[in-house]
Amino acid sequence: MGGLNAKSGLHDFRRYASRQLSFNDEVRQFHWATPAEVREIVTEAFAVRVFDALSEGAPAVSQHDGVRFV
C-alpha cells in the first residue's frame, strides 16, 4: 500500500479519504486543547513544540532532555 506523494496525486488521496476510520484508545482520547490545557497535560518540552507550531515566524530551536529544557 503506497503513501501519498506528488506522483500519486489526487487519485490516492481520494482512495485514502474514502476509507472508513477505525477507532482505538488513542483516537478515543483525542480532544482539542486550549493553551492552558496543553501546559497541564503534556511535558514542557512537548508543549513548547505545540506553541511553536502555532506561532508565526521562524522555526524555533530548543534543547531539552525530553521533558524539560536544559
Protein backbone atom coordinates (compact mmCIF):
# COMPACT_ATOMS: atom_id res chain seq x y z
CA MET A 1 0.00 0.00 0.00
CA GLY A 2 1.62 3.25 -1.09
CA GLY A 3 1.51 6.58 0.64
CA LEU A 4 0.63 9.97 -0.71
CA ASN A 5 3.25 11.59 -2.92
CA ALA A 6 3.42 14.02 -5.83
CA LYS A 7 3.12 11.22 -8.41
CA SER A 8 0.10 9.51 -6.85
CA GLY A 9 -1.77 12.79 -6.51
CA LEU A 10 -5.49 13.20 -6.10
CA HIS A 11 -6.38 9.61 -7.04
CA ASP A 12 -4.58 8.17 -3.99
CA PHE A 13 -5.94 10.94 -1.76
CA ARG A 14 -9.49 10.02 -2.69
CA ARG A 15 -8.76 6.34 -2.09
CA TYR A 16 -7.38 7.02 1.40
CA ALA A 17 -10.03 9.60 2.27
CA SER A 18 -12.86 7.23 1.35
CA ARG A 19 -11.78 4.54 3.80
CA GLN A 20 -13.71 4.04 7.00
CA LEU A 21 -11.93 5.39 10.05
CA SER A 22 -11.02 3.00 12.82
CA PHE A 23 -11.13 3.80 16.50
CA ASN A 24 -8.64 2.80 19.16
CA ASP A 25 -7.81 4.06 22.66
CA GLU A 26 -5.60 6.87 21.33
CA VAL A 27 -8.31 8.14 18.99
CA ARG A 28 -10.97 7.94 21.70
CA GLN A 29 -8.80 10.09 23.99
CA PHE A 30 -8.27 12.84 21.37
CA HIS A 31 -9.66 16.29 22.10
CA TRP A 32 -8.90 19.88 21.17
CA ALA A 33 -6.98 21.64 23.92
CA THR A 34 -6.60 25.27 24.88
CA PRO A 35 -3.07 26.59 25.51
CA ALA A 36 -3.73 26.35 29.26
CA GLU A 37 -4.77 22.70 28.90
CA VAL A 38 -1.70 21.91 26.80
CA ARG A 39 0.52 23.17 29.64
CA GLU A 40 -1.32 20.84 32.05
CA ILE A 41 -1.45 17.65 30.00
CA VAL A 42 1.95 17.40 28.27
CA THR A 43 5.56 17.85 29.28
CA GLU A 44 7.24 21.24 28.98
CA ALA A 45 9.35 20.02 26.06
CA PHE A 46 6.30 18.90 24.09
CA ALA A 47 4.17 21.94 24.98
CA VAL A 48 6.73 24.32 23.50
CA ARG A 49 6.66 22.33 20.25
CA VAL A 50 2.88 22.79 20.07
CA PHE A 51 3.15 26.52 20.76
CA ASP A 52 5.99 26.93 18.24
CA ALA A 53 3.90 25.19 15.59
CA LEU A 54 1.01 27.56 16.21
CA SER A 55 3.07 30.74 16.23
CA GLU A 56 4.04 32.77 13.21
CA GLY A 57 7.66 33.45 12.46
CA ALA A 58 10.85 31.49 12.05
CA PRO A 59 11.08 27.89 13.26
CA ALA A 60 12.30 27.67 16.82
CA VAL A 61 15.21 25.56 18.02
CA SER A 62 15.41 24.45 21.62
CA GLN A 63 17.39 21.96 23.67
CA HIS A 64 15.64 19.65 26.11
CA ASP A 65 16.00 16.28 27.75
CA GLY A 66 12.63 15.04 26.51
CA VAL A 67 10.78 16.53 29.45
CA ARG A 68 12.35 19.84 30.48
CA PHE A 69 14.52 22.46 28.83
CA VAL A 70 18.21 22.18 29.61
